[in-house]
Amino acid sequence: MSNSIQVPVLAEVAAKGEFPEYLFWVGCAGAFDERYQKVTRAFVKLLHKAGVSYAVLGKEETCTGDPARRAGNEMLFQMQALTVIETLKAYEVKKVITCCPHCYNVFKNEYPDLGGNYEVIHHSVFLRKLVNEGKLVADPEIFSDKTIVFHDPCYLGRGNGEYEAPRAVIASLRSKTKEMPRNMSKALCCGAGGAQMFKEAEPGNKEVNAERTEEALATKADIVATACPFCMTMLTDGIKFRDKQDEVKNYDIAELLVMAMGL
């Protein structure tokens, strides 16, 4: 995390008899992917700036099992899920925030079948709330000369019907905005969903992420905004493949808000 921020770990906090309001579920990408670690740091800065009561599991966090279920290994999914549920039960966790729509979806829609019932919040929804409450205020000048296009993550959008929250966060930046022709419920997948992230592509004439990146680049936006680690990987790769990384940047909405606030 950031050198200047001490991230509370749930085991240490609970040992003092304290139970924070929210568990921030970092996720595999947020913990291990070098690019997405920057998103984790950005989101933590925003939590601290807004004075949110939260903690992370740290070394006690493990995979939710979502990729195993998507890839067809139901037994491994249930083993992982039950392990996570027991850990959260031990800490009396009631509310979970996560930046990953895949973690969000599995916690919200699939864990209840196994006894894991939580209030689950995607970071786009949480950030919109903090912005609306005036706890996070962007400098309207930082992105005033930039154009931002948002790519809808499948598991946030079509999977859970959330299209407005990330756009509301972007609107708070006072930038210009564009939409791709395929957006919201008609948005094209980045190419990583359904465990495609972890396997070789199937036969075809074009990579899905190349198709989506071309749509994003066609808008002439300066920034492609995302709200999912899988989407970030696929679109960043797509931008590099088209050799546009010097002209077009891919940022998570949390990173954009941090930049706009000068944190």
Protein backbone atom coordinates (compact mmCIF):
# COMPACT_ATOMS: atom_id res chain seq x y z
CA MET A 1 0.00 0.00 0.00
CA SER A 2 1.01 3.63 0.25
CA ASN A 3 3.96 4.47 2.49
CA SER A 4 1.91 7.17 4.19
CA ILE A 5 -1.18 5.06 4.88
CA GLN A 6 -1.47 2.32 7.47
CA VAL A 7 -4.01 -0.17 6.16
CA PRO A 8 -5.96 -1.79 9.00
CA VAL A 9 -5.87 -5.60 9.03
CA LEU A 10 -8.99 -7.25 10.41
CA ALA A 11 -7.18 -9.72 12.69
CA GLU A 12 -5.23 -6.90 14.35
CA VAL A 13 -8.27 -4.65 14.67
CA ALA A 14 -10.47 -7.47 16.03
CA ALA A 15 -7.79 -8.34 18.60
CA LYS A 16 -8.44 -4.90 20.09
CA GLY A 17 -12.15 -5.64 20.24
CA GLU A 18 -12.94 -3.38 17.29
CA PHE A 19 -15.04 -4.40 14.29
CA PRO A 20 -14.95 -1.96 11.36
CA GLU A 21 -18.09 -1.29 9.33
CA TYR A 22 -16.71 -2.59 6.05
CA LEU A 23 -14.42 -5.37 4.89
CA PHE A 24 -12.47 -4.22 1.83
CA TRP A 25 -12.05 -7.37 -0.24
CA VAL A 26 -8.85 -6.70 -2.21
CA GLY A 27 -9.12 -9.67 -4.59
CA CYS A 28 -6.41 -11.61 -6.40
CA ALA A 29 -5.71 -8.90 -8.98
CA GLY A 30 -5.70 -6.13 -6.40
CA ALA A 31 -3.19 -8.05 -4.31
CA PHE A 32 -0.91 -9.63 -6.92
CA ASP A 33 -1.24 -7.87 -10.29
CA GLU A 34 1.32 -5.08 -10.46
CA ARG A 35 -0.91 -2.78 -12.50
CA TYR A 36 -4.03 -3.36 -10.41
CA GLN A 37 -2.15 -2.85 -7.15
CA LYS A 38 -2.16 0.82 -8.15
CA VAL A 39 -5.96 0.72 -8.16
CA THR A 40 -5.96 -0.84 -4.69
CA ARG A 41 -3.69 1.94 -3.45
CA ALA A 42 -5.90 4.59 -5.05
CA PHE A 43 -9.08 3.19 -3.51
CA VAL A 44 -7.46 2.96 -0.06
CA LYS A 45 -6.43 6.63 -0.32
CA LEU A 46 -10.05 7.51 -1.02
CA LEU A 47 -11.31 5.41 1.92
CA HIS A 48 -8.92 7.22 4.25
CA LYS A 49 -9.74 10.64 2.81
CA ALA A 50 -13.45 9.99 3.42
CA GLY A 51 -12.86 8.58 6.92
CA VAL A 52 -14.41 5.19 6.16
CA SER A 53 -14.32 2.51 8.88
CA TYR A 54 -12.80 -0.49 7.09
CA ALA A 55 -10.20 -3.24 7.26
CA VAL A 56 -8.68 -5.88 4.97
CA LEU A 57 -8.08 -9.56 5.66
CA GLY A 58 -4.44 -9.41 4.56
CA LYS A 59 -2.86 -12.87 4.53
CA GLU A 60 -6.18 -14.43 5.53
CA GLU A 61 -7.75 -13.44 2.21
CA THR A 62 -7.90 -16.15 -0.45
CA CYS A 63 -9.61 -16.45 -3.84
CA THR A 64 -13.43 -16.41 -3.77
CA GLY A 65 -13.42 -19.44 -6.07
CA ASP A 66 -15.15 -17.54 -8.88
CA PRO A 67 -12.64 -18.47 -11.63
CA ALA A 68 -12.91 -22.14 -10.62
CA ARG A 69 -16.70 -22.13 -11.01
CA ARG A 70 -16.52 -20.29 -14.35
CA ALA A 71 -14.00 -22.84 -15.60
CA GLY A 72 -16.25 -25.72 -14.49
CA ASN A 73 -14.54 -26.89 -11.30
CA GLU A 74 -17.52 -26.77 -8.97
CA MET A 75 -15.84 -28.71 -6.18
CA LEU A 76 -12.93 -26.29 -5.98
CA PHE A 77 -15.35 -23.35 -6.04
CA GLN A 78 -17.29 -24.69 -3.07
CA MET A 79 -14.12 -25.48 -1.13
CA GLN A 80 -12.86 -21.92 -1.64
CA ALA A 81 -16.23 -20.32 -0.94
CA LEU A 82 -16.84 -22.24 2.29
CA THR A 83 -13.34 -21.35 3.50
CA VAL A 84 -13.99 -17.65 2.85
CA ILE A 85 -17.44 -17.80 4.48
CA GLU A 86 -15.96 -19.35 7.65
CA THR A 87 -13.30 -16.63 7.82
CA LEU A 88 -15.87 -13.85 7.44
CA LYS A 89 -18.13 -15.48 10.01
CA ALA A 90 -15.28 -15.47 12.53
CA TYR A 91 -14.98 -11.69 12.15
CA GLU A 92 -18.73 -11.06 12.05
CA VAL A 93 -18.42 -9.39 8.63
CA LYS A 94 -21.69 -7.88 7.43
CA LYS A 95 -20.64 -5.48 4.66
CA VAL A 96 -18.13 -6.16 1.87
CA ILE A 97 -16.68 -3.64 -0.60
CA THR A 98 -14.70 -4.83 -3.60
CA CYS A 99 -13.24 -3.26 -6.77
CA CYS A 100 -13.65 -6.51 -8.73
CA PRO A 101 -17.07 -7.13 -10.37
CA HIS A 102 -16.32 -10.87 -10.42
CA CYS A 103 -15.79 -10.94 -6.65
CA TYR A 104 -18.81 -8.64 -6.27
CA ASN A 105 -21.05 -10.93 -8.30
CA VAL A 106 -20.03 -14.15 -6.56
CA PHE A 107 -20.40 -12.62 -3.07
CA LYS A 108 -23.75 -11.06 -3.89
CA ASN A 109 -25.43 -13.74 -5.97
CA GLU A 110 -23.74 -17.08 -5.32
CA TYR A 111 -22.43 -17.10 -1.75
CA PRO A 112 -25.96 -16.92 -0.24
CA ASP A 113 -26.59 -20.47 -1.56
CA LEU A 114 -23.74 -21.62 0.70
CA GLY A 115 -24.75 -19.58 3.74
CA GLY A 116 -22.73 -16.45 3.07
CA ASN A 117 -25.07 -13.45 3.27
CA TYR A 118 -23.56 -9.96 3.13
CA GLU A 119 -24.32 -6.46 1.98
CA VAL A 120 -22.01 -6.37 -1.04
CA ILE A 121 -20.97 -3.05 -2.61
CA HIS A 122 -18.93 -2.47 -5.75
CA HIS A 123 -16.41 0.34 -5.42
CA SER A 124 -18.14 2.36 -8.17
CA VAL A 125 -21.34 2.48 -6.08
CA PHE A 126 -19.40 3.27 -2.91
CA LEU A 127 -17.42 6.06 -4.57
CA ARG A 128 -20.61 7.57 -6.01
CA LYS A 129 -22.04 7.61 -2.47
CA LEU A 130 -18.95 9.35 -1.06
CA VAL A 131 -18.97 11.88 -3.91
CA ASN A 132 -22.69 12.60 -3.40
CA GLU A 133 -22.10 13.08 0.34
CA GLY A 134 -19.39 15.63 -0.42
CA LYS A 135 -16.68 13.51 1.21
CA LEU A 136 -14.72 13.23 -2.05
CA VAL A 137 -14.54 16.41 -4.14
CA ALA A 138 -12.71 16.48 -7.47
CA ASP A 139 -10.94 19.57 -8.79
CA PRO A 140 -13.00 20.43 -11.92
CA GLU A 141 -9.90 21.72 -13.73
CA ILE A 142 -7.79 18.54 -13.69
CA PHE A 143 -9.67 16.67 -16.44
CA SER A 144 -11.50 19.60 -18.04
CA ASP A 145 -9.50 19.28 -21.27
CA LYS A 146 -9.70 15.45 -21.41
CA THR A 147 -12.27 13.15 -22.97
CA ILE A 148 -13.12 9.94 -21.11
CA VAL A 149 -14.93 6.89 -22.45
CA PHE A 150 -16.17 4.23 -20.02
CA HIS A 151 -16.13 0.49 -20.76
CA ASP A 152 -18.91 -1.43 -18.96
CA PRO A 153 -17.70 -4.58 -17.16
CA CYS A 154 -20.02 -7.52 -17.90
CA TYR A 155 -20.35 -8.63 -14.27
CA LEU A 156 -21.17 -5.10 -13.10
CA GLY A 157 -23.44 -4.11 -15.97
CA ARG A 158 -25.40 -6.94 -17.54
CA GLY A 159 -24.70 -9.23 -14.59
CA ASN A 160 -25.94 -6.85 -11.90
CA GLY A 161 -27.61 -3.94 -13.67
CA GLU A 162 -25.18 -1.25 -12.50
CA TYR A 163 -24.44 1.24 -15.26
CA GLU A 164 -24.92 4.63 -13.64
CA ALA A 165 -22.54 4.56 -10.65
CA PRO A 166 -19.24 4.54 -12.57
CA ARG A 167 -20.57 7.17 -14.96
CA ALA A 168 -21.62 9.34 -12.01
CA VAL A 169 -18.08 9.15 -10.61
CA ILE A 170 -16.68 10.15 -14.00
CA ALA A 171 -19.23 12.98 -14.27
CA SER A 172 -17.89 14.40 -10.99
CA LEU A 173 -14.52 14.93 -12.72
CA ARG A 174 -16.10 17.49 -15.10
CA SER A 175 -14.32 16.00 -18.12
CA LYS A 176 -15.79 15.58 -21.58
CA THR A 177 -17.29 12.11 -22.03
CA LYS A 178 -17.99 9.80 -24.93
CA GLU A 179 -19.83 6.49 -25.25
CA MET A 180 -18.86 3.57 -27.45
CA PRO A 181 -21.59 2.44 -29.89
CA ARG A 182 -22.00 -0.73 -27.83
CA ASN A 183 -22.53 0.43 -24.27
CA MET A 184 -24.49 -0.36 -21.11
CA SER A 185 -26.61 -3.50 -21.64
CA LYS A 186 -25.32 -3.81 -25.21
CA ALA A 187 -21.65 -3.42 -24.25
CA LEU A 188 -19.10 -5.83 -25.69
CA CYS A 189 -17.13 -8.00 -23.25
CA CYS A 190 -13.44 -7.19 -22.88
CA GLY A 191 -12.68 -10.83 -23.65
CA ALA A 192 -11.65 -12.00 -20.18
CA GLY A 193 -14.94 -13.13 -18.62
CA GLY A 194 -15.99 -16.72 -18.03
CA ALA A 195 -12.42 -17.71 -17.11
CA GLN A 196 -11.22 -16.74 -20.62
CA MET A 197 -8.59 -14.66 -18.80
CA PHE A 198 -6.75 -17.85 -17.87
CA LYS A 199 -6.77 -19.82 -21.12
CA GLU A 200 -5.64 -19.54 -24.70
CA ALA A 201 -8.06 -17.99 -27.17
CA GLU A 202 -10.32 -20.25 -29.19
CA PRO A 203 -10.18 -20.29 -33.01
CA GLY A 204 -11.45 -17.10 -34.65
CA ASN A 205 -10.38 -14.21 -36.82
CA LYS A 206 -9.89 -11.57 -34.10
CA GLU A 207 -9.24 -11.34 -30.36
CA VAL A 208 -12.23 -9.96 -28.44
CA ASN A 209 -10.08 -7.40 -26.64
CA ALA A 210 -8.77 -6.13 -29.99
CA GLU A 211 -12.35 -5.58 -31.19
CA ARG A 212 -13.30 -3.73 -28.00
CA THR A 213 -10.12 -1.65 -27.99
CA GLU A 214 -10.79 -0.56 -31.57
CA GLU A 215 -14.24 0.65 -30.49
CA ALA A 216 -12.70 2.62 -27.62
CA LEU A 217 -9.97 4.15 -29.81
CA ALA A 218 -12.53 5.14 -32.45
CA THR A 219 -14.15 7.54 -29.95
CA LYS A 220 -10.88 9.55 -29.93
CA ALA A 221 -11.04 9.66 -26.12
CA ASP A 222 -7.86 10.46 -24.18
CA ILE A 223 -8.73 8.03 -21.39
CA VAL A 224 -10.47 4.66 -21.39
CA ALA A 225 -11.98 4.29 -17.91
CA THR A 226 -12.62 0.87 -16.40
CA ALA A 227 -13.95 -0.54 -13.13
CA CYS A 228 -12.71 -4.14 -13.27
CA PRO A 229 -9.24 -5.72 -13.10
CA PHE A 230 -9.93 -8.14 -15.96
CA CYS A 231 -11.18 -5.33 -18.20
CA MET A 232 -8.13 -3.24 -17.32
CA THR A 233 -5.73 -6.02 -18.34
CA MET A 234 -7.50 -6.70 -21.63
CA LEU A 235 -7.90 -3.07 -22.66
CA THR A 236 -4.40 -2.07 -21.59
CA ASP A 237 -3.06 -4.96 -23.68
CA GLY A 238 -5.29 -3.91 -26.57
CA ILE A 239 -4.05 -0.32 -26.44
CA LYS A 240 -0.44 -1.54 -26.42
CA PHE A 241 -1.18 -3.92 -29.32
CA ARG A 242 -2.40 -0.91 -31.35
CA ASP A 243 0.71 1.02 -30.19
CA LYS A 244 -1.43 3.80 -28.73
CA GLN A 245 -0.18 3.65 -25.13
CA ASP A 246 1.49 7.07 -25.41
CA GLU A 247 -1.71 8.78 -26.56
CA VAL A 248 -4.48 6.85 -24.78
CA LYS A 249 -4.42 5.84 -21.11
CA ASN A 250 -6.45 3.23 -19.26
CA TYR A 251 -7.35 4.15 -15.67
CA ASP A 252 -9.74 2.78 -13.08
CA ILE A 253 -12.36 5.25 -11.84
CA ALA A 254 -10.70 5.24 -8.40
CA GLU A 255 -7.38 6.32 -9.93
CA LEU A 256 -9.10 9.13 -11.85
CA LEU A 257 -10.73 10.41 -8.66
CA VAL A 258 -7.40 10.30 -6.79
CA MET A 259 -5.73 12.30 -9.58
CA ALA A 260 -8.59 14.81 -9.63
CA MET A 261 -8.24 15.30 -5.87
CA GLY A 262 -4.44 15.54 -5.91
CA LEU A 263 -4.05 12.74 -3.38
